[in-house]
């Protein structure tokens, strides 16, 4: 049965359509597959439904429609009950199944100011205009979107422009990180990397402060270099000593000497700076040479400085044979122990 009213009327109480027990001013009840309400109104689609305050004259908003879709005027709030806090309620869902994209346009005075969109390539973008070509990807690929509360992988290149907090382990190049940050591959840092002050495991890195604290500056050093060895003495180690300091030096020299025996030499030395005009001459403790049976030998000398504060003491080597070639490259290794300023 249908009823038609061509002019206004008023009812004192609730009105029910499709029901005899209306619990509100207007209740519509239909069959499950029937449409509950059709509104046919103004040709411009504005003000199909208008919402007034209790004074009956203050307009808070309206819902209208046109060929371009449904429009709202005034503020619209989408929300739910406490279930929103548990993540089980979505206050707003845009679903355009069957369309190639989903867009939200933002206008002011009818002029398009920007939009949010999702294209068929699953890229969420925002920009001044859907067709301007100036849109910026907001999330590179929604098909790889990660809920950080679950264990999932991130595909493609991701850029985080703000702080991101990961409550569990992060793996780079591995899907099963065993520590907070597990990198399978090489790493590169352009800034400072802070590590624990005291290493514990054999694989722990040691900071400069830790190493310096275990080795006093100017007390022990090991080094190596290549030096041309000829008939003339060449400096292989230079030790700078301050007044009233001294050190022990060990030097080895090995090298391939064409047309001669392989060079093999070791020497041990004392260097002392007494200060106050007491620059003791350096002392050769011992020399061992296994270069040949006597015709090809390597010998050392110490060049003491003419001054005492501070001063460079030089250990020099040469060979004793004049047969060509006159020079070979000697691999020098040295150890310096004691108290010194520098070694070169």
Protein backbone atom coordinates (compact mmCIF):
# COMPACT_ATOMS: atom_id res chain seq x y z
CA UNK A 1 0.00 0.00 0.00
CA UNK A 2 1.38 3.42 -0.96
CA UNK A 3 0.61 6.81 0.60
CA UNK A 4 1.31 10.15 -1.04
CA UNK A 5 1.37 13.55 0.71
CA UNK A 6 1.58 16.57 -1.57
CA UNK A 7 1.81 19.09 1.23
CA UNK A 8 3.32 19.25 4.69
CA UNK A 9 1.94 17.43 7.68
CA UNK A 10 2.96 16.91 11.30
CA UNK A 11 2.80 13.92 13.60
CA UNK A 12 2.90 14.08 17.37
CA UNK A 13 5.10 11.07 18.24
CA UNK A 14 7.28 8.60 16.35
CA UNK A 15 6.70 7.52 12.76
CA UNK A 16 7.46 4.03 11.57
CA UNK A 17 7.67 2.97 7.90
CA UNK A 18 7.68 -0.76 7.47
CA UNK A 19 7.39 -1.26 11.21
CA UNK A 20 4.77 -0.74 13.94
CA UNK A 21 7.37 -0.24 16.69
CA UNK A 22 9.37 2.86 15.92
CA UNK A 23 12.01 3.63 18.55
CA UNK A 24 12.96 6.98 17.02
CA UNK A 25 11.27 9.97 15.45
CA UNK A 26 11.51 8.19 12.07
CA UNK A 27 12.25 4.49 11.56
CA UNK A 28 12.52 2.76 8.16
CA UNK A 29 12.45 -1.02 8.01
CA UNK A 30 12.57 -2.94 4.74
CA UNK A 31 13.12 -6.44 3.46
CA UNK A 32 16.83 -7.43 3.35
CA UNK A 33 17.12 -6.88 -0.43
CA UNK A 34 14.90 -3.83 -0.70
CA UNK A 35 16.03 -0.22 -0.85
CA UNK A 36 15.20 1.67 2.31
CA UNK A 37 15.13 5.24 1.01
CA UNK A 38 15.19 7.00 -2.35
CA UNK A 39 15.52 10.80 -2.42
CA UNK A 40 14.57 12.71 -5.56
CA UNK A 41 15.09 16.40 -5.08
CA UNK A 42 16.59 19.57 -6.56
CA UNK A 43 18.04 19.58 -10.03
CA UNK A 44 21.34 21.03 -8.74
CA UNK A 45 21.65 18.19 -6.22
CA UNK A 46 22.19 20.52 -3.26
CA UNK A 47 20.51 20.12 0.13
CA UNK A 48 18.79 16.76 -0.27
CA UNK A 49 19.12 16.38 3.49
CA UNK A 50 19.67 19.34 5.78
CA UNK A 51 20.62 19.21 9.45
CA UNK A 52 19.51 21.99 11.82
CA UNK A 53 20.18 22.70 15.45
CA UNK A 54 17.57 22.49 18.21
CA UNK A 55 16.45 26.04 17.44
CA UNK A 56 15.23 24.84 14.04
CA UNK A 57 17.11 27.58 12.16
CA UNK A 58 20.86 26.99 12.60
CA UNK A 59 22.04 24.87 9.65
CA UNK A 60 24.92 22.57 10.61
CA UNK A 61 25.34 20.78 7.28
CA UNK A 62 23.68 19.08 4.38
CA UNK A 63 24.02 16.10 2.09
CA UNK A 64 23.47 16.61 -1.62
CA UNK A 65 24.19 14.82 -4.85
CA UNK A 66 24.83 15.32 -8.54
CA UNK A 67 26.13 13.38 -11.50
CA UNK A 68 29.64 13.66 -10.04
CA UNK A 69 28.68 11.98 -6.77
CA UNK A 70 27.53 12.65 -3.24
CA UNK A 71 28.67 15.86 -1.52
CA UNK A 72 28.77 17.02 2.10
CA UNK A 73 28.67 20.56 3.44
CA UNK A 74 29.82 21.35 6.94
CA UNK A 75 32.10 19.19 9.06
CA UNK A 76 31.79 15.41 8.84
CA UNK A 77 33.06 13.16 11.64
CA UNK A 78 33.61 9.44 11.14
CA UNK A 79 34.20 7.36 14.23
CA UNK A 80 33.16 4.44 16.34
CA UNK A 81 33.11 3.11 19.85
CA UNK A 82 36.03 1.94 21.95
CA UNK A 83 36.63 -0.85 19.44
CA UNK A 84 38.59 1.70 17.39
CA UNK A 85 41.37 1.52 19.96
CA UNK A 86 41.85 -2.18 19.35
CA UNK A 87 42.32 -1.70 15.62
CA UNK A 88 39.11 -3.58 14.73
CA UNK A 89 37.21 -0.55 13.45
CA UNK A 90 37.96 1.49 10.30
CA UNK A 91 36.31 4.94 10.52
CA UNK A 92 36.42 5.50 6.74
CA UNK A 93 36.80 3.05 3.86
CA UNK A 94 36.96 4.02 0.18
CA UNK A 95 36.14 1.07 -2.06
CA UNK A 96 35.90 1.57 -5.80
CA UNK A 97 36.06 -2.04 -6.85
CA UNK A 98 36.11 -2.31 -10.65
CA UNK A 99 37.62 1.16 -11.16
CA UNK A 100 41.28 1.71 -12.12
CA UNK A 101 41.89 4.22 -9.32
CA UNK A 102 40.56 5.57 -6.04
CA UNK A 103 40.85 9.30 -5.44
CA UNK A 104 40.00 11.80 -2.71
CA UNK A 105 39.87 15.35 -4.01
CA UNK A 106 40.27 18.45 -1.85
CA UNK A 107 38.57 21.65 -3.02
CA UNK A 108 38.21 25.18 -1.72
CA UNK A 109 35.49 27.32 -3.22
CA UNK A 110 34.99 24.70 -5.88
CA UNK A 111 38.65 24.88 -6.96
CA UNK A 112 40.69 21.67 -6.80
CA UNK A 113 43.62 22.14 -4.39
CA UNK A 114 44.97 18.61 -4.15
CA UNK A 115 44.13 14.96 -3.95
CA UNK A 116 45.07 11.56 -2.59
CA UNK A 117 44.92 8.67 -5.00
CA UNK A 118 45.67 5.00 -5.53
CA UNK A 119 46.24 3.89 -9.12
CA UNK A 120 46.09 0.48 -10.73
CA UNK A 121 49.82 0.09 -10.00
CA UNK A 122 49.10 0.08 -6.23
CA UNK A 123 50.98 3.34 -5.64
CA UNK A 124 49.51 5.82 -3.17
CA UNK A 125 50.22 9.36 -4.34
CA UNK A 126 49.37 12.90 -3.40
CA UNK A 127 49.67 16.06 -5.45
CA UNK A 128 48.09 19.28 -6.71
CA UNK A 129 46.20 17.63 -9.55
CA UNK A 130 45.54 14.11 -10.75
CA UNK A 131 46.73 15.01 -14.25
CA UNK A 132 49.52 17.51 -13.46
CA UNK A 133 52.38 15.01 -13.46
CA UNK A 134 53.69 16.59 -10.24
CA UNK A 135 52.46 13.91 -7.89
CA UNK A 136 54.73 12.52 -5.18
CA UNK A 137 54.63 8.84 -4.17
CA UNK A 138 53.45 8.58 -0.58
CA UNK A 139 54.04 4.84 -0.27
CA UNK A 140 56.01 3.20 -3.06
CA UNK A 141 54.05 -0.03 -3.36
CA UNK A 142 50.95 -0.86 -1.34
CA UNK A 143 51.19 -4.51 -2.35
CA UNK A 144 54.23 -4.69 -0.08
CA UNK A 145 52.77 -2.57 2.72
CA UNK A 146 54.03 -3.77 6.07
CA UNK A 147 52.16 -3.92 9.32
CA UNK A 148 55.05 -3.42 11.76
CA UNK A 149 53.25 -5.46 14.41
CA UNK A 150 53.68 -8.62 12.32
CA UNK A 151 56.65 -10.36 10.67
CA UNK A 152 56.59 -9.36 7.02
CA UNK A 153 59.09 -8.38 4.34
CA UNK A 154 59.43 -4.98 2.69
CA UNK A 155 59.97 -5.07 -1.07
CA UNK A 156 61.51 -2.32 -3.20
CA UNK A 157 63.14 0.92 -2.08
CA UNK A 158 61.69 2.52 1.05
CA UNK A 159 62.40 6.01 2.36
CA UNK A 160 61.61 6.92 5.96
CA UNK A 161 61.55 10.71 6.42
CA UNK A 162 60.76 10.60 10.13
CA UNK A 163 61.69 8.45 13.11
CA UNK A 164 60.70 4.80 12.73
CA UNK A 165 60.62 2.47 15.72
CA UNK A 166 61.04 -1.28 15.28
CA UNK A 167 60.29 -3.25 18.43
CA UNK A 168 62.05 -6.41 17.28
CA UNK A 169 65.10 -7.28 15.16
CA UNK A 170 65.79 -5.80 11.73
CA UNK A 171 67.39 -7.82 8.96
CA UNK A 172 69.07 -6.35 5.87
CA UNK A 173 69.75 -9.02 3.29
CA UNK A 174 68.42 -11.68 5.65
CA UNK A 175 64.92 -12.76 6.63
CA UNK A 176 66.04 -14.21 9.97
CA UNK A 177 67.99 -11.56 11.90
CA UNK A 178 69.71 -12.98 14.97
CA UNK A 179 70.50 -9.61 16.60
CA UNK A 180 68.84 -6.19 16.73
CA UNK A 181 70.42 -5.23 13.37
CA UNK A 182 71.62 -8.13 11.22
CA UNK A 183 73.26 -7.15 7.91
CA UNK A 184 74.16 -9.86 5.39
CA UNK A 185 76.67 -8.02 3.21
CA UNK A 186 78.95 -5.01 3.34
CA UNK A 187 78.03 -1.86 5.26
CA UNK A 188 79.09 1.76 4.83
CA UNK A 189 78.72 4.61 7.31
CA UNK A 190 79.41 8.25 6.50
CA UNK A 191 79.27 9.31 10.15
CA UNK A 192 80.54 8.08 13.50
CA UNK A 193 79.58 4.64 14.75
CA UNK A 194 79.37 4.27 18.53
CA UNK A 195 80.23 0.88 20.02
CA UNK A 196 80.30 -0.40 23.63
CA UNK A 197 83.17 0.98 25.68
CA UNK A 198 84.54 -2.43 26.68
CA UNK A 199 84.65 -5.36 24.20
CA UNK A 200 83.74 -8.77 25.65
CA UNK A 201 83.54 -11.37 22.88
CA UNK A 202 86.41 -12.20 20.51
CA UNK A 203 84.40 -10.73 17.64
CA UNK A 204 83.63 -7.42 19.42
CA UNK A 205 85.09 -4.23 18.00
CA UNK A 206 87.32 -2.09 20.18
CA UNK A 207 87.05 1.68 20.32
CA UNK A 208 90.06 3.98 19.98
CA UNK A 209 89.56 5.04 23.58
CA UNK A 210 89.73 1.42 24.76
CA UNK A 211 92.88 0.68 22.75
CA UNK A 212 94.60 3.88 23.84
CA UNK A 213 93.78 3.07 27.43
CA UNK A 214 95.51 -0.31 27.17
CA UNK A 215 98.63 0.94 25.34
CA UNK A 216 100.34 4.06 26.61
CA UNK A 217 101.14 6.49 23.80
CA UNK A 218 104.77 6.25 22.74
CA UNK A 219 105.54 2.93 24.42
CA UNK A 220 105.12 0.25 21.74
CA UNK A 221 104.76 0.27 17.97
CA UNK A 222 105.13 -2.19 15.08
CA UNK A 223 105.53 -1.17 11.44
CA UNK A 224 106.81 -2.10 7.99
CA UNK A 225 108.02 -0.38 4.83
CA UNK A 226 110.00 -0.96 1.63
CA UNK A 227 113.46 0.65 1.32
CA UNK A 228 116.03 0.53 -1.45
CA UNK A 229 119.23 -1.11 -0.08
CA UNK A 230 122.51 -0.23 -1.84
CA UNK A 231 126.17 0.32 -1.03
CA UNK A 232 125.23 3.61 0.61
CA UNK A 233 123.53 3.68 3.98
CA UNK A 234 119.74 4.23 3.78
CA UNK A 235 117.54 5.14 6.74
CA UNK A 236 115.07 2.38 7.57
CA UNK A 237 113.75 3.61 10.97
CA UNK A 238 113.72 7.08 12.55
CA UNK A 239 112.84 7.41 16.24
CA UNK A 240 112.25 10.80 17.85
CA UNK A 241 113.25 10.88 21.53
CA UNK A 242 112.69 13.60 24.11
CA UNK A 243 115.19 14.31 26.86
CA UNK A 244 115.75 11.48 29.35
CA UNK A 245 113.98 8.85 27.23
CA UNK A 246 115.10 5.74 25.40
CA UNK A 247 113.89 2.63 23.61
CA UNK A 248 114.71 -0.80 22.21
CA UNK A 249 114.43 -1.33 18.44
CA UNK A 250 114.35 -4.58 16.46
CA UNK A 251 114.74 -4.48 12.66
CA UNK A 252 114.49 -7.20 10.02
CA UNK A 253 115.25 -6.94 6.29
CA UNK A 254 114.34 -9.48 3.63
CA UNK A 255 114.45 -9.07 -0.12
CA UNK A 256 115.07 -10.64 -3.52
CA UNK A 257 118.51 -9.53 -4.67
CA UNK A 258 118.93 -10.59 -8.36
CA UNK A 259 122.19 -12.44 -9.11
CA UNK A 260 122.79 -12.61 -5.37
CA UNK A 261 121.49 -14.52 -2.40
CA UNK A 262 118.12 -13.60 -0.89
CA UNK A 263 118.68 -10.88 1.68
CA UNK A 264 118.06 -11.94 5.31
CA UNK A 265 119.02 -9.64 8.18
CA UNK A 266 118.06 -8.95 11.79
CA UNK A 267 119.42 -6.25 14.08
CA UNK A 268 118.70 -5.12 17.65
CA UNK A 269 119.47 -1.64 18.98
CA UNK A 270 119.35 0.63 22.02
CA UNK A 271 118.61 4.34 21.53
CA UNK A 272 118.99 6.85 24.40
CA UNK A 273 118.65 10.62 24.82
CA UNK A 274 120.20 11.63 28.12
CA UNK A 275 119.38 15.34 27.71
CA UNK A 276 121.37 18.27 29.04
CA UNK A 277 124.26 17.62 26.65
CA UNK A 278 124.34 13.89 27.46
CA UNK A 279 123.16 12.37 24.17
CA UNK A 280 124.47 8.83 24.58
CA UNK A 281 125.40 7.20 21.29
CA UNK A 282 123.06 4.51 20.09
CA UNK A 283 124.14 0.94 20.71
CA UNK A 284 123.98 -2.00 18.30
CA UNK A 285 123.16 -4.93 20.53
CA UNK A 286 123.51 -7.61 17.86
CA UNK A 287 123.34 -8.21 14.13
CA UNK A 288 122.52 -11.51 12.40
CA UNK A 289 122.97 -11.77 8.64
CA UNK A 290 122.26 -14.84 6.54
CA UNK A 291 122.41 -13.20 3.13
CA UNK A 292 125.42 -15.26 1.85
CA UNK A 293 128.66 -16.93 2.85
CA UNK A 294 130.34 -13.60 3.41
CA UNK A 295 130.59 -11.79 0.08
CA UNK A 296 127.06 -10.33 0.29
CA UNK A 297 126.31 -8.88 3.67
CA UNK A 298 123.97 -6.31 5.20
CA UNK A 299 125.28 -4.09 7.97
CA UNK A 300 123.78 -1.33 10.12
CA UNK A 301 124.77 1.94 11.69
CA UNK A 302 123.10 4.39 14.07
CA UNK A 303 123.15 8.11 13.28
CA UNK A 304 122.99 10.05 16.53
CA UNK A 305 121.50 13.56 16.41
CA UNK A 306 123.66 16.66 16.97
CA UNK A 307 121.16 18.06 19.51
CA UNK A 308 119.34 16.51 22.44
CA UNK A 309 115.86 18.11 22.82
CA UNK A 310 114.04 16.34 21.22
CA UNK A 311 116.04 14.58 18.53
CA UNK A 312 115.80 12.04 15.69
CA UNK A 313 117.85 8.86 16.02
CA UNK A 314 118.25 7.00 12.70
CA UNK A 315 118.97 3.33 12.04
CA UNK A 316 120.47 2.79 8.59
CA UNK A 317 121.32 -0.29 6.47
CA UNK A 318 123.52 -0.98 3.45
CA UNK A 319 125.01 -4.00 1.69
CA UNK A 320 128.73 -4.73 1.13
CA UNK A 321 128.79 -6.07 -2.44
CA UNK A 322 129.62 -4.04 -5.59
CA UNK A 323 128.33 -6.60 -8.11
CA UNK A 324 125.42 -5.42 -10.28
CA UNK A 325 122.64 -4.80 -9.56
CA UNK A 326 123.80 -2.41 -6.88
CA UNK A 327 120.34 -1.87 -5.33
CA UNK A 328 117.55 -4.20 -4.25
CA UNK A 329 114.24 -3.56 -2.50
CA UNK A 330 114.33 -4.58 1.11
CA UNK A 331 111.14 -5.33 3.04
CA UNK A 332 111.71 -3.75 6.45
CA UNK A 333 109.76 -4.68 9.58
CA UNK A 334 110.47 -3.02 12.91
CA UNK A 335 109.38 -3.07 16.55
CA UNK A 336 109.99 -0.16 18.92
CA UNK A 337 109.51 -0.52 22.69
CA UNK A 338 110.23 2.06 25.37
CA UNK A 339 109.49 5.74 25.66
CA UNK A 340 109.51 7.82 22.46
CA UNK A 341 107.68 10.65 20.70
CA UNK A 342 107.24 9.18 17.21
CA UNK A 343 108.50 6.55 14.78
CA UNK A 344 108.80 6.79 11.02
